[in-house]
Amino acid sequence: MFIAFAVVTVITIALNAGMAIADFSRARFVLANSAEVGLSPSLLPLLATLKAAGAAGLLLGLLGAQFIGIAAAIGLVLFFTGALAVHFRARVFYNIAFPGTYFTAAVASLVLAVMRIS
């Protein structure tokens, strides 16, 4: 069980850290997607910080601070629930798989982290 938890958590950390870097650097695809869903580019640093904090919290959870990891996973689940809602509101469905993948990874990390302490 620990191996599944570790693998899924490391993948979720990598996904979110990578997207935080893309958001901080204002990558072209990030700016295009933000404009398409009606998100102001001025929000990108905040969103990047939230993703980076989630990744850091998951890392701490992986290293033994289990409740911080669970809190980070909950935060990421909520974050990507919002991202999916924004995509639905804007009716941008062709790339819904991206926030869906991040949401799924966050949910999997949360479930495995909770199962680990049970």
PDB file of N, CA and C in Angstrom:
ATOM      1  N   MET A   1       0.811  -1.191   0.000  1.00  0.00           N
ATOM      2  CA  MET A   1       0.000   0.000   0.000  1.00  0.00           C
ATOM      3  C   MET A   1       0.862   1.264   0.000  1.00  0.00           C
ATOM      4  N   PHE A   2       1.975   1.219   0.734  1.00  0.00           N
ATOM      5  CA  PHE A   2       2.831   2.401   0.774  1.00  0.00           C
ATOM      6  C   PHE A   2       3.380   2.722  -0.614  1.00  0.00           C
ATOM      7  N   ILE A   3       3.692   1.701  -1.399  1.00  0.00           N
ATOM      8  CA  ILE A   3       4.247   1.945  -2.735  1.00  0.00           C
ATOM      9  C   ILE A   3       3.235   2.686  -3.605  1.00  0.00           C
ATOM     10  N   ALA A   4       1.981   2.276  -3.571  1.00  0.00           N
ATOM     11  CA  ALA A   4       0.939   2.966  -4.352  1.00  0.00           C
ATOM     12  C   ALA A   4       0.802   4.408  -3.878  1.00  0.00           C
ATOM     13  N   PHE A   5       0.772   4.596  -2.563  1.00  0.00           N
ATOM     14  CA  PHE A   5       0.686   5.939  -1.995  1.00  0.00           C
ATOM     15  C   PHE A   5       1.851   6.795  -2.468  1.00  0.00           C
ATOM     16  N   ALA A   6       3.060   6.254  -2.383  1.00  0.00           N
ATOM     17  CA  ALA A   6       4.252   7.017  -2.756  1.00  0.00           C
ATOM     18  C   ALA A   6       4.259   7.352  -4.240  1.00  0.00           C
ATOM     19  N   VAL A   7       3.941   6.391  -5.082  1.00  0.00           N
ATOM     20  CA  VAL A   7       3.966   6.624  -6.537  1.00  0.00           C
ATOM     21  C   VAL A   7       2.932   7.671  -6.932  1.00  0.00           C
ATOM     22  N   VAL A   8       1.708   7.512  -6.454  1.00  0.00           N
ATOM     23  CA  VAL A   8       0.648   8.462  -6.811  1.00  0.00           C
ATOM     24  C   VAL A   8       0.967   9.847  -6.265  1.00  0.00           C
ATOM     25  N   THR A   9       1.476   9.914  -5.058  1.00  0.00           N
ATOM     26  CA  THR A   9       1.801  11.210  -4.461  1.00  0.00           C
ATOM     27  C   THR A   9       2.940  11.895  -5.201  1.00  0.00           C
ATOM     28  N   VAL A  10       3.957  11.146  -5.579  1.00  0.00           N
ATOM     29  CA  VAL A  10       5.076  11.734  -6.333  1.00  0.00           C
ATOM     30  C   VAL A  10       4.585  12.247  -7.692  1.00  0.00           C
ATOM     31  N   ILE A  11       3.718  11.500  -8.339  1.00  0.00           N
ATOM     32  CA  ILE A  11       3.158  11.962  -9.627  1.00  0.00           C
ATOM     33  C   ILE A  11       2.362  13.251  -9.425  1.00  0.00           C
ATOM     34  N   THR A  12       1.555  13.294  -8.384  1.00  0.00           N
ATOM     35  CA  THR A  12       0.754  14.494  -8.110  1.00  0.00           C
ATOM     36  C   THR A  12       1.648  15.685  -7.779  1.00  0.00           C
ATOM     37  N   ILE A  13       2.705  15.440  -7.029  1.00  0.00           N
ATOM     38  CA  ILE A  13       3.663  16.506  -6.716  1.00  0.00           C
ATOM     39  C   ILE A  13       4.286  17.024  -8.010  1.00  0.00           C
ATOM     40  N   ALA A  14       4.744  16.131  -8.863  1.00  0.00           N
ATOM     41  CA  ALA A  14       5.396  16.531 -10.115  1.00  0.00           C
ATOM     42  C   ALA A  14       4.448  17.314 -11.019  1.00  0.00           C
ATOM     43  N   LEU A  15       3.215  16.843 -11.139  1.00  0.00           N
ATOM     44  CA  LEU A  15       2.232  17.545 -11.974  1.00  0.00           C
ATOM     45  C   LEU A  15       2.010  18.973 -11.479  1.00  0.00           C
ATOM     46  N   ASN A  16       1.799  19.112 -10.183  1.00  0.00           N
ATOM     47  CA  ASN A  16       1.496  20.436  -9.642  1.00  0.00           C
ATOM     48  C   ASN A  16       2.708  21.357  -9.611  1.00  0.00           C
ATOM     49  N   ALA A  17       3.868  20.803  -9.311  1.00  0.00           N
ATOM     50  CA  ALA A  17       5.086  21.630  -9.339  1.00  0.00           C
ATOM     51  C   ALA A  17       5.362  22.107 -10.769  1.00  0.00           C
ATOM     52  N   GLY A  18       5.177  21.214 -11.726  1.00  0.00           N
ATOM     53  CA  GLY A  18       5.384  21.595 -13.126  1.00  0.00           C
ATOM     54  C   GLY A  18       4.432  22.684 -13.577  1.00  0.00           C
ATOM     55  N   MET A  19       3.164  22.554 -13.197  1.00  0.00           N
ATOM     56  CA  MET A  19       2.197  23.587 -13.587  1.00  0.00           C
ATOM     57  C   MET A  19       2.431  24.890 -12.838  1.00  0.00           C
ATOM     58  N   ALA A  20       2.898  24.809 -11.608  1.00  0.00           N
ATOM     59  CA  ALA A  20       3.218  26.037 -10.874  1.00  0.00           C
ATOM     60  C   ALA A  20       4.337  26.787 -11.593  1.00  0.00           C
ATOM     61  N   ILE A  21       5.338  26.053 -12.050  1.00  0.00           N
ATOM     62  CA  ILE A  21       6.437  26.682 -12.797  1.00  0.00           C
ATOM     63  C   ILE A  21       5.912  27.313 -14.082  1.00  0.00           C
ATOM     64  N   ALA A  22       5.041  26.583 -14.785  1.00  0.00           N
ATOM     65  CA  ALA A  22       4.467  27.133 -16.026  1.00  0.00           C
ATOM     66  C   ALA A  22       3.648  28.387 -15.738  1.00  0.00           C
ATOM     67  N   ASP A  23       2.898  28.371 -14.643  1.00  0.00           N
ATOM     68  CA  ASP A  23       2.102  29.551 -14.272  1.00  0.00           C
ATOM     69  C   ASP A  23       3.001  30.727 -13.897  1.00  0.00           C
ATOM     70  N   PHE A  24       4.011  30.470 -13.067  1.00  0.00           N
ATOM     71  CA  PHE A  24       4.928  31.545 -12.669  1.00  0.00           C
ATOM     72  C   PHE A  24       5.651  32.140 -13.868  1.00  0.00           C
ATOM     73  N   SER A  25       6.009  31.302 -14.828  1.00  0.00           N
ATOM     74  CA  SER A  25       6.746  31.794 -15.999  1.00  0.00           C
ATOM     75  C   SER A  25       5.824  32.330 -17.087  1.00  0.00           C
ATOM     76  N   ARG A  26       4.517  32.270 -16.839  1.00  0.00           N
ATOM     77  CA  ARG A  26       3.528  32.759 -17.808  1.00  0.00           C
ATOM     78  C   ARG A  26       3.724  32.121 -19.187  1.00  0.00           C
ATOM     79  N   ALA A  27       3.803  30.808 -19.167  1.00  0.00           N
ATOM     80  CA  ALA A  27       3.973  30.068 -20.417  1.00  0.00           C
ATOM     81  C   ALA A  27       2.836  30.420 -21.380  1.00  0.00           C
ATOM     82  N   ARG A  28       3.144  30.372 -22.644  1.00  0.00           N
ATOM     83  CA  ARG A  28       2.179  30.769 -23.673  1.00  0.00           C
ATOM     84  C   ARG A  28       0.872  29.971 -23.562  1.00  0.00           C
ATOM     85  N   PHE A  29       0.975  28.663 -23.353  1.00  0.00           N
ATOM     86  CA  PHE A  29      -0.237  27.846 -23.270  1.00  0.00           C
ATOM     87  C   PHE A  29      -1.061  28.188 -22.031  1.00  0.00           C
ATOM     88  N   VAL A  30      -0.401  28.604 -20.964  1.00  0.00           N
ATOM     89  CA  VAL A  30      -1.113  29.003 -19.743  1.00  0.00           C
ATOM     90  C   VAL A  30      -1.890  30.293 -19.997  1.00  0.00           C
ATOM     91  N   LEU A  31      -1.247  31.249 -20.628  1.00  0.00           N
ATOM     92  CA  LEU A  31      -1.916  32.516 -20.938  1.00  0.00           C
ATOM     93  C   LEU A  31      -3.086  32.301 -21.889  1.00  0.00           C
ATOM     94  N   ALA A  32      -2.899  31.446 -22.889  1.00  0.00           N
ATOM     95  CA  ALA A  32      -3.972  31.173 -23.853  1.00  0.00           C
ATOM     96  C   ALA A  32      -5.162  30.507 -23.171  1.00  0.00           C
ATOM     97  N   ASN A  33      -4.883  29.520 -22.344  1.00  0.00           N
ATOM     98  CA  ASN A  33      -5.972  28.825 -21.649  1.00  0.00           C
ATOM     99  C   ASN A  33      -6.680  29.757 -20.668  1.00  0.00           C
ATOM    100  N   SER A  34      -5.919  30.573 -19.971  1.00  0.00           N
ATOM    101  CA  SER A  34      -6.516  31.513 -19.021  1.00  0.00           C
ATOM    102  C   SER A  34      -7.454  32.481 -19.726  1.00  0.00           C
ATOM    103  N   ALA A  35      -7.022  32.991 -20.862  1.00  0.00           N
ATOM    104  CA  ALA A  35      -7.864  33.912 -21.632  1.00  0.00           C
ATOM    105  C   ALA A  35      -9.123  33.208 -22.116  1.00  0.00           C
ATOM    106  N   GLU A  36      -8.980  31.983 -22.529  1.00  0.00           N
ATOM    107  CA  GLU A  36     -10.110  31.233 -23.071  1.00  0.00           C
ATOM    108  C   GLU A  36     -11.203  30.987 -22.022  1.00  0.00           C
ATOM    109  N   VAL A  37     -10.798  30.758 -20.784  1.00  0.00           N
ATOM    110  CA  VAL A  37     -11.787  30.503 -19.733  1.00  0.00           C
ATOM    111  C   VAL A  37     -12.173  31.776 -18.979  1.00  0.00           C
ATOM    112  N   GLY A  38     -11.634  32.927 -19.392  1.00  0.00           N
ATOM    113  CA  GLY A  38     -11.997  34.206 -18.794  1.00  0.00           C
ATOM    114  C   GLY A  38     -11.292  34.531 -17.499  1.00  0.00           C
ATOM    115  N   LEU A  39     -10.094  34.004 -17.339  1.00  0.00           N
ATOM    116  CA  LEU A  39      -9.322  34.221 -16.119  1.00  0.00           C
ATOM    117  C   LEU A  39      -8.295  35.326 -16.359  1.00  0.00           C
ATOM    118  N   SER A  40      -8.245  36.274 -15.452  1.00  0.00           N
ATOM    119  CA  SER A  40      -7.305  37.376 -15.574  1.00  0.00           C
ATOM    120  C   SER A  40      -5.869  36.877 -15.378  1.00  0.00           C
ATOM    121  N   PRO A  41      -4.952  37.306 -16.244  1.00  0.00           N
ATOM    122  CA  PRO A  41      -3.548  36.911 -16.064  1.00  0.00           C
ATOM    123  C   PRO A  41      -2.956  37.367 -14.732  1.00  0.00           C
ATOM    124  N   SER A  42      -3.554  38.372 -14.117  1.00  0.00           N
ATOM    125  CA  SER A  42      -3.044  38.846 -12.828  1.00  0.00           C
ATOM    126  C   SER A  42      -3.261  37.814 -11.718  1.00  0.00           C
ATOM    127  N   LEU A  43      -4.125  36.819 -11.947  1.00  0.00           N
ATOM    128  CA  LEU A  43      -4.354  35.772 -10.953  1.00  0.00           C
ATOM    129  C   LEU A  43      -3.346  34.632 -11.037  1.00  0.00           C
ATOM    130  N   LEU A  44      -2.560  34.582 -12.099  1.00  0.00           N
ATOM    131  CA  LEU A  44      -1.629  33.468 -12.283  1.00  0.00           C
ATOM    132  C   LEU A  44      -0.636  33.289 -11.134  1.00  0.00           C
ATOM    133  N   PRO A  45      -0.037  34.355 -10.598  1.00  0.00           N
ATOM    134  CA  PRO A  45       0.884  34.131  -9.469  1.00  0.00           C
ATOM    135  C   PRO A  45       0.190  33.501  -8.255  1.00  0.00           C
ATOM    136  N   LEU A  46      -1.036  33.900  -7.977  1.00  0.00           N
ATOM    137  CA  LEU A  46      -1.778  33.310  -6.860  1.00  0.00           C
ATOM    138  C   LEU A  46      -2.059  31.838  -7.124  1.00  0.00           C
ATOM    139  N   LEU A  47      -2.523  31.519  -8.326  1.00  0.00           N
ATOM    140  CA  LEU A  47      -2.825  30.130  -8.667  1.00  0.00           C
ATOM    141  C   LEU A  47      -1.555  29.278  -8.638  1.00  0.00           C
ATOM    142  N   ALA A  48      -0.460  29.842  -9.125  1.00  0.00           N
ATOM    143  CA  ALA A  48       0.819  29.118  -9.101  1.00  0.00           C
ATOM    144  C   ALA A  48       1.261  28.859  -7.659  1.00  0.00           C
ATOM    145  N   THR A  49       1.079  29.841  -6.804  1.00  0.00           N
ATOM    146  CA  THR A  49       1.446  29.687  -5.401  1.00  0.00           C
ATOM    147  C   THR A  49       0.618  28.596  -4.728  1.00  0.00           C
ATOM    148  N   LEU A  50      -0.672  28.545  -5.041  1.00  0.00           N
ATOM    149  CA  LEU A  50      -1.533  27.506  -4.472  1.00  0.00           C
ATOM    150  C   LEU A  50      -1.106  26.119  -4.938  1.00  0.00           C
ATOM    151  N   LYS A  51      -0.771  25.983  -6.215  1.00  0.00           N
ATOM    152  CA  LYS A  51      -0.315  24.688  -6.726  1.00  0.00           C
ATOM    153  C   LYS A  51       1.022  24.301  -6.098  1.00  0.00           C
ATOM    154  N   ALA A  52       1.925  25.262  -5.977  1.00  0.00           N
ATOM    155  CA  ALA A  52       3.225  24.983  -5.361  1.00  0.00           C
ATOM    156  C   ALA A  52       3.064  24.608  -3.895  1.00  0.00           C
ATOM    157  N   ALA A  53       2.174  25.294  -3.194  1.00  0.00           N
ATOM    158  CA  ALA A  53       1.921  24.968  -1.784  1.00  0.00           C
ATOM    159  C   ALA A  53       1.327  23.564  -1.655  1.00  0.00           C
ATOM    160  N   GLY A  54       0.441  23.216  -2.563  1.00  0.00           N
ATOM    161  CA  GLY A  54      -0.122  21.870  -2.554  1.00  0.00           C
ATOM    162  C   GLY A  54       0.942  20.812  -2.774  1.00  0.00           C
ATOM    163  N   ALA A  55       1.825  21.068  -3.731  1.00  0.00           N
ATOM    164  CA  ALA A  55       2.917  20.126  -4.003  1.00  0.00           C
ATOM    165  C   ALA A  55       3.843  20.009  -2.797  1.00  0.00           C
ATOM    166  N   ALA A  56       4.169  21.137  -2.181  1.00  0.00           N
ATOM    167  CA  ALA A  56       5.042  21.116  -1.000  1.00  0.00           C
ATOM    168  C   ALA A  56       4.378  20.378   0.160  1.00  0.00           C
ATOM    169  N   GLY A  57       3.090  20.613   0.353  1.00  0.00           N
ATOM    170  CA  GLY A  57       2.372  19.922   1.416  1.00  0.00           C
ATOM    171  C   GLY A  57       2.309  18.418   1.190  1.00  0.00           C
ATOM    172  N   LEU A  58       2.106  18.014  -0.069  1.00  0.00           N
ATOM    173  CA  LEU A  58       2.124  16.580  -0.374  1.00  0.00           C
ATOM    174  C   LEU A  58       3.495  15.984  -0.093  1.00  0.00           C
ATOM    175  N   LEU A  59       4.545  16.726  -0.432  1.00  0.00           N
ATOM    176  CA  LEU A  59       5.898  16.250  -0.159  1.00  0.00           C
ATOM    177  C   LEU A  59       6.113  16.068   1.342  1.00  0.00           C
ATOM    178  N   LEU A  60       5.658  17.033   2.131  1.00  0.00           N
ATOM    179  CA  LEU A  60       5.768  16.906   3.588  1.00  0.00           C
ATOM    180  C   LEU A  60       4.985  15.698   4.090  1.00  0.00           C
ATOM    181  N   GLY A  61       3.823  15.467   3.503  1.00  0.00           N
ATOM    182  CA  GLY A  61       3.042  14.297   3.871  1.00  0.00           C
ATOM    183  C   GLY A  61       3.757  13.008   3.531  1.00  0.00           C
ATOM    184  N   LEU A  62       4.416  12.987   2.402  1.00  0.00           N
ATOM    185  CA  LEU A  62       5.182  11.818   1.986  1.00  0.00           C
ATOM    186  C   LEU A  62       6.359  11.577   2.927  1.00  0.00           C
ATOM    187  N   LEU A  63       6.905  12.652   3.463  1.00  0.00           N
ATOM    188  CA  LEU A  63       8.057  12.551   4.356  1.00  0.00           C
ATOM    189  C   LEU A  63       7.669  12.306   5.812  1.00  0.00           C
ATOM    190  N   GLY A  64       6.362  12.204   6.091  1.00  0.00           N
ATOM    191  CA  GLY A  64       5.958  11.843   7.438  1.00  0.00           C
ATOM    192  C   GLY A  64       4.948  12.749   8.107  1.00  0.00           C
ATOM    193  N   ALA A  65       4.775  13.957   7.626  1.00  0.00           N
ATOM    194  CA  ALA A  65       3.783  14.868   8.214  1.00  0.00           C
ATOM    195  C   ALA A  65       2.430  14.565   7.569  1.00  0.00           C
ATOM    196  N   GLN A  66       1.838  13.460   8.012  1.00  0.00           N
ATOM    197  CA  GLN A  66       0.661  12.922   7.329  1.00  0.00           C
ATOM    198  C   GLN A  66      -0.508  13.900   7.266  1.00  0.00           C
ATOM    199  N   PHE A  67      -0.782  14.620   8.329  1.00  0.00           N
ATOM    200  CA  PHE A  67      -1.936  15.513   8.328  1.00  0.00           C
ATOM    201  C   PHE A  67      -1.710  16.723   7.419  1.00  0.00           C
ATOM    202  N   ILE A  68      -0.471  17.162   7.283  1.00  0.00           N
ATOM    203  CA  ILE A  68      -0.180  18.236   6.332  1.00  0.00           C
ATOM    204  C   ILE A  68      -0.409  17.721   4.911  1.00  0.00           C
ATOM    205  N   GLY A  69       0.015  16.508   4.637  1.00  0.00           N
ATOM    206  CA  GLY A  69      -0.211  15.914   3.321  1.00  0.00           C
ATOM    207  C   GLY A  69      -1.689  15.786   2.999  1.00  0.00           C
ATOM    208  N   ILE A  70      -2.477  15.374   3.984  1.00  0.00           N
ATOM    209  CA  ILE A  70      -3.920  15.252   3.775  1.00  0.00           C
ATOM    210  C   ILE A  70      -4.540  16.628   3.533  1.00  0.00           C
ATOM    211  N   ALA A  71      -4.116  17.611   4.312  1.00  0.00           N
ATOM    212  CA  ALA A  71      -4.628  18.969   4.122  1.00  0.00           C
ATOM    213  C   ALA A  71      -4.263  19.495   2.728  1.00  0.00           C
ATOM    214  N   ALA A  72      -3.046  19.220   2.283  1.00  0.00           N
ATOM    215  CA  ALA A  72      -2.617  19.654   0.952  1.00  0.00           C
ATOM    216  C   ALA A  72      -3.445  18.973  -0.132  1.00  0.00           C
ATOM    217  N   ALA A  73      -3.688  17.680   0.033  1.00  0.00           N
ATOM    218  CA  ALA A  73      -4.491  16.950  -0.947  1.00  0.00           C
ATOM    219  C   ALA A  73      -5.915  17.501  -0.994  1.00  0.00           C
ATOM    220  N   ILE A  74      -6.488  17.807   0.164  1.00  0.00           N
ATOM    221  CA  ILE A  74      -7.829  18.402   0.201  1.00  0.00           C
ATOM    222  C   ILE A  74      -7.822  19.744  -0.531  1.00  0.00           C
ATOM    223  N   GLY A  75      -6.800  20.544  -0.266  1.00  0.00           N
ATOM    224  CA  GLY A  75      -6.686  21.832  -0.946  1.00  0.00           C
ATOM    225  C   GLY A  75      -6.599  21.681  -2.454  1.00  0.00           C
ATOM    226  N   LEU A  76      -5.830  20.710  -2.921  1.00  0.00           N
ATOM    227  CA  LEU A  76      -5.710  20.496  -4.364  1.00  0.00           C
ATOM    228  C   LEU A  76      -7.011  19.977  -4.969  1.00  0.00           C
ATOM    229  N   VAL A  77      -7.710  19.114  -4.252  1.00  0.00           N
ATOM    230  CA  VAL A  77      -9.015  18.637  -4.740  1.00  0.00           C
ATOM    231  C   VAL A  77      -9.965  19.831  -4.902  1.00  0.00           C
ATOM    232  N   LEU A  78     -10.006  20.698  -3.913  1.00  0.00           N
ATOM    233  CA  LEU A  78     -10.865  21.879  -3.998  1.00  0.00           C
ATOM    234  C   LEU A  78     -10.423  22.814  -5.120  1.00  0.00           C
ATOM    235  N   PHE A  79      -9.122  23.007  -5.241  1.00  0.00           N
ATOM    236  CA  PHE A  79      -8.582  23.874  -6.297  1.00  0.00           C
ATOM    237  C   PHE A  79      -9.017  23.377  -7.671  1.00  0.00           C
ATOM    238  N   PHE A  80      -8.836  22.095  -7.921  1.00  0.00           N
ATOM    239  CA  PHE A  80      -9.144  21.574  -9.251  1.00  0.00           C
ATOM    240  C   PHE A  80     -10.637  21.374  -9.465  1.00  0.00           C
ATOM    241  N   THR A  81     -11.409  21.286  -8.384  1.00  0.00           N
ATOM    242  CA  THR A  81     -12.866  21.344  -8.531  1.00  0.00           C
ATOM    243  C   THR A  81     -13.239  22.715  -9.089  1.00  0.00           C
ATOM    244  N   GLY A  82     -12.604  23.746  -8.553  1.00  0.00           N
ATOM    245  CA  GLY A  82     -12.816  25.096  -9.075  1.00  0.00           C
ATOM    246  C   GLY A  82     -12.370  25.237 -10.519  1.00  0.00           C
ATOM    247  N   ALA A  83     -11.239  24.643 -10.850  1.00  0.00           N
ATOM    248  CA  ALA A  83     -10.744  24.722 -12.234  1.00  0.00           C
ATOM    249  C   ALA A  83     -11.720  24.049 -13.196  1.00  0.00           C
ATOM    250  N   LEU A  84     -12.237  22.900 -12.784  1.00  0.00           N
ATOM    251  CA  LEU A  84     -13.222  22.219 -13.633  1.00  0.00           C
ATOM    252  C   LEU A  84     -14.486  23.066 -13.768  1.00  0.00           C
ATOM    253  N   ALA A  85     -14.919  23.685 -12.682  1.00  0.00           N
ATOM    254  CA  ALA A  85     -16.110  24.544 -12.732  1.00  0.00           C
ATOM    255  C   ALA A  85     -15.903  25.725 -13.681  1.00  0.00           C
ATOM    256  N   VAL A  86     -14.707  26.314 -13.645  1.00  0.00           N
ATOM    257  CA  VAL A  86     -14.410  27.436 -14.537  1.00  0.00           C
ATOM    258  C   VAL A  86     -14.456  26.982 -15.996  1.00  0.00           C
ATOM    259  N   HIS A  87     -13.923  25.811 -16.279  1.00  0.00           N
ATOM    260  CA  HIS A  87     -13.969  25.285 -17.645  1.00  0.00           C
ATOM    261  C   HIS A  87     -15.415  25.034 -18.086  1.00  0.00           C
ATOM    262  N   PHE A  88     -16.219  24.464 -17.198  1.00  0.00           N
ATOM    263  CA  PHE A  88     -17.622  24.214 -17.536  1.00  0.00           C
ATOM    264  C   PHE A  88     -18.373  25.526 -17.742  1.00  0.00           C
ATOM    265  N   ARG A  89     -18.146  26.480 -16.861  1.00  0.00           N
ATOM    266  CA  ARG A  89     -18.820  27.774 -16.978  1.00  0.00           C
ATOM    267  C   ARG A  89     -18.500  28.452 -18.302  1.00  0.00           C
ATOM    268  N   ALA A  90     -17.236  28.352 -18.718  1.00  0.00           N
ATOM    269  CA  ALA A  90     -16.806  28.976 -19.970  1.00  0.00           C
ATOM    270  C   ALA A  90     -17.102  28.096 -21.181  1.00  0.00           C
ATOM    271  N   ARG A  91     -17.583  26.889 -20.936  1.00  0.00           N
ATOM    272  CA  ARG A  91     -17.881  25.928 -22.008  1.00  0.00           C
ATOM    273  C   ARG A  91     -16.645  25.608 -22.845  1.00  0.00           C
ATOM    274  N   VAL A  92     -15.526  25.479 -22.151  1.00  0.00           N
ATOM    275  CA  VAL A  92     -14.263  25.091 -22.801  1.00  0.00           C
ATOM    276  C   VAL A  92     -14.026  23.627 -22.435  1.00  0.00           C
ATOM    277  N   PHE A  93     -14.422  22.754 -23.347  1.00  0.00           N
ATOM    278  CA  PHE A  93     -14.391  21.327 -23.057  1.00  0.00           C
ATOM    279  C   PHE A  93     -13.278  20.569 -23.780  1.00  0.00           C
ATOM    280  N   TYR A  94     -12.705  21.161 -24.819  1.00  0.00           N
ATOM    281  CA  TYR A  94     -11.731  20.413 -25.611  1.00  0.00           C
ATOM    282  C   TYR A  94     -10.476  20.062 -24.813  1.00  0.00           C
ATOM    283  N   ASN A  95     -10.182  20.834 -23.770  1.00  0.00           N
ATOM    284  CA  ASN A  95      -9.000  20.535 -22.956  1.00  0.00           C
ATOM    285  C   ASN A  95      -9.360  20.266 -21.494  1.00  0.00           C
ATOM    286  N   ILE A  96     -10.586  19.828 -21.254  1.00  0.00           N
ATOM    287  CA  ILE A  96     -11.048  19.551 -19.887  1.00  0.00           C
ATOM    288  C   ILE A  96     -10.264  18.401 -19.251  1.00  0.00           C
ATOM    289  N   ALA A  97      -9.616  17.597 -20.090  1.00  0.00           N
ATOM    290  CA  ALA A  97      -8.835  16.468 -19.563  1.00  0.00           C
ATOM    291  C   ALA A  97      -7.672  16.948 -18.694  1.00  0.00           C
ATOM    292  N   PHE A  98      -7.150  18.131 -18.945  1.00  0.00           N
ATOM    293  CA  PHE A  98      -6.021  18.604 -18.147  1.00  0.00           C
ATOM    294  C   PHE A  98      -6.425  18.877 -16.699  1.00  0.00           C
ATOM    295  N   PRO A  99      -7.396  19.748 -16.429  1.00  0.00           N
ATOM    296  CA  PRO A  99      -7.783  19.894 -15.022  1.00  0.00           C
ATOM    297  C   PRO A  99      -8.394  18.609 -14.463  1.00  0.00           C
ATOM    298  N   GLY A 100      -9.017  17.807 -15.329  1.00  0.00           N
ATOM    299  CA  GLY A 100      -9.565  16.531 -14.878  1.00  0.00           C
ATOM    300  C   GLY A 100      -8.488  15.582 -14.399  1.00  0.00           C
ATOM    301  N   THR A 101      -7.372  15.555 -15.094  1.00  0.00           N
ATOM    302  CA  THR A 101      -6.248  14.706 -14.699  1.00  0.00           C
ATOM    303  C   THR A 101      -5.662  15.161 -13.367  1.00  0.00           C
ATOM    304  N   TYR A 102      -5.493  16.465 -13.216  1.00  0.00           N
ATOM    305  CA  TYR A 102      -4.948  16.997 -11.961  1.00  0.00           C
ATOM    306  C   TYR A 102      -5.914  16.736 -10.804  1.00  0.00           C
ATOM    307  N   PHE A 103      -7.204  16.885 -11.070  1.00  0.00           N
ATOM    308  CA  PHE A 103      -8.225  16.594 -10.065  1.00  0.00           C
ATOM    309  C   PHE A 103      -8.167  15.126  -9.656  1.00  0.00           C
ATOM    310  N   THR A 104      -8.094  14.245 -10.634  1.00  0.00           N
ATOM    311  CA  THR A 104      -8.044  12.810 -10.355  1.00  0.00           C
ATOM    312  C   THR A 104      -6.802  12.443  -9.552  1.00  0.00           C
ATOM    313  N   ALA A 105      -5.662  13.025  -9.908  1.00  0.00           N
ATOM    314  CA  ALA A 105      -4.427  12.755  -9.162  1.00  0.00           C
ATOM    315  C   ALA A 105      -4.550  13.239  -7.717  1.00  0.00           C
ATOM    316  N   ALA A 106      -5.155  14.409  -7.528  1.00  0.00           N
ATOM    317  CA  ALA A 106      -5.327  14.939  -6.168  1.00  0.00           C
ATOM    318  C   ALA A 106      -6.271  14.056  -5.354  1.00  0.00           C
ATOM    319  N   VAL A 107      -7.363  13.606  -5.971  1.00  0.00           N
ATOM    320  CA  VAL A 107      -8.301  12.715  -5.268  1.00  0.00           C
ATOM    321  C   VAL A 107      -7.607  11.408  -4.895  1.00  0.00           C
ATOM    322  N   ALA A 108      -6.849  10.850  -5.840  1.00  0.00           N
ATOM    323  CA  ALA A 108      -6.140   9.591  -5.561  1.00  0.00           C
ATOM    324  C   ALA A 108      -5.138   9.776  -4.424  1.00  0.00           C
ATOM    325  N   SER A 109      -4.422  10.894  -4.434  1.00  0.00           N
ATOM    326  CA  SER A 109      -3.471  11.172  -3.350  1.00  0.00           C
ATOM    327  C   SER A 109      -4.193  11.296  -2.015  1.00  0.00           C
ATOM    328  N   LEU A 110      -5.327  11.961  -2.020  1.00  0.00           N
ATOM    329  CA  LEU A 110      -6.096  12.120  -0.788  1.00  0.00           C
ATOM    330  C   LEU A 110      -6.590  10.775  -0.264  1.00  0.00           C
ATOM    331  N   VAL A 111      -7.179   9.982  -1.136  1.00  0.00           N
ATOM    332  CA  VAL A 111      -7.713   8.685  -0.716  1.00  0.00           C
ATOM    333  C   VAL A 111      -6.600   7.806  -0.153  1.00  0.00           C
ATOM    334  N   LEU A 112      -5.476   7.741  -0.841  1.00  0.00           N
ATOM    335  CA  LEU A 112      -4.380   6.901  -0.382  1.00  0.00           C
ATOM    336  C   LEU A 112      -3.763   7.411   0.915  1.00  0.00           C
ATOM    337  N   ALA A 113      -3.691   8.729   1.067  1.00  0.00           N
ATOM    338  CA  ALA A 113      -3.157   9.298   2.311  1.00  0.00           C
ATOM    339  C   ALA A 113      -4.080   9.002   3.484  1.00  0.00           C
ATOM    340  N   VAL A 114      -5.380   9.106   3.276  1.00  0.00           N
ATOM    341  CA  VAL A 114      -6.326   8.807   4.354  1.00  0.00           C
ATOM    342  C   VAL A 114      -6.290   7.315   4.685  1.00  0.00           C
ATOM    343  N   MET A 115      -6.226   6.483   3.677  1.00  0.00           N
ATOM    344  CA  MET A 115      -6.152   5.035   3.912  1.00  0.00           C
ATOM    345  C   MET A 115      -4.884   4.661   4.680  1.00  0.00           C
ATOM    346  N   ARG A 116      -3.836   5.424   4.470  1.00  0.00           N
ATOM    347  CA  ARG A 116      -2.558   5.133   5.113  1.00  0.00           C
ATOM    348  C   ARG A 116      -2.625   5.342   6.620  1.00  0.00           C
ATOM    349  N   ILE A 117      -3.395   6.315   7.069  1.00  0.00           N
ATOM    350  CA  ILE A 117      -3.461   6.573   8.517  1.00  0.00           C
ATOM    351  C   ILE A 117      -4.540   5.741   9.190  1.00  0.00           C
ATOM    352  N   SER A 118      -5.385   5.110   8.413  1.00  0.00           N
ATOM    353  CA  SER A 118      -6.474   4.306   8.998  1.00  0.00           C
ATOM    354  C   SER A 118      -5.966   3.004   9.546  1.00  0.00           C
TER     355      SER A 118
END
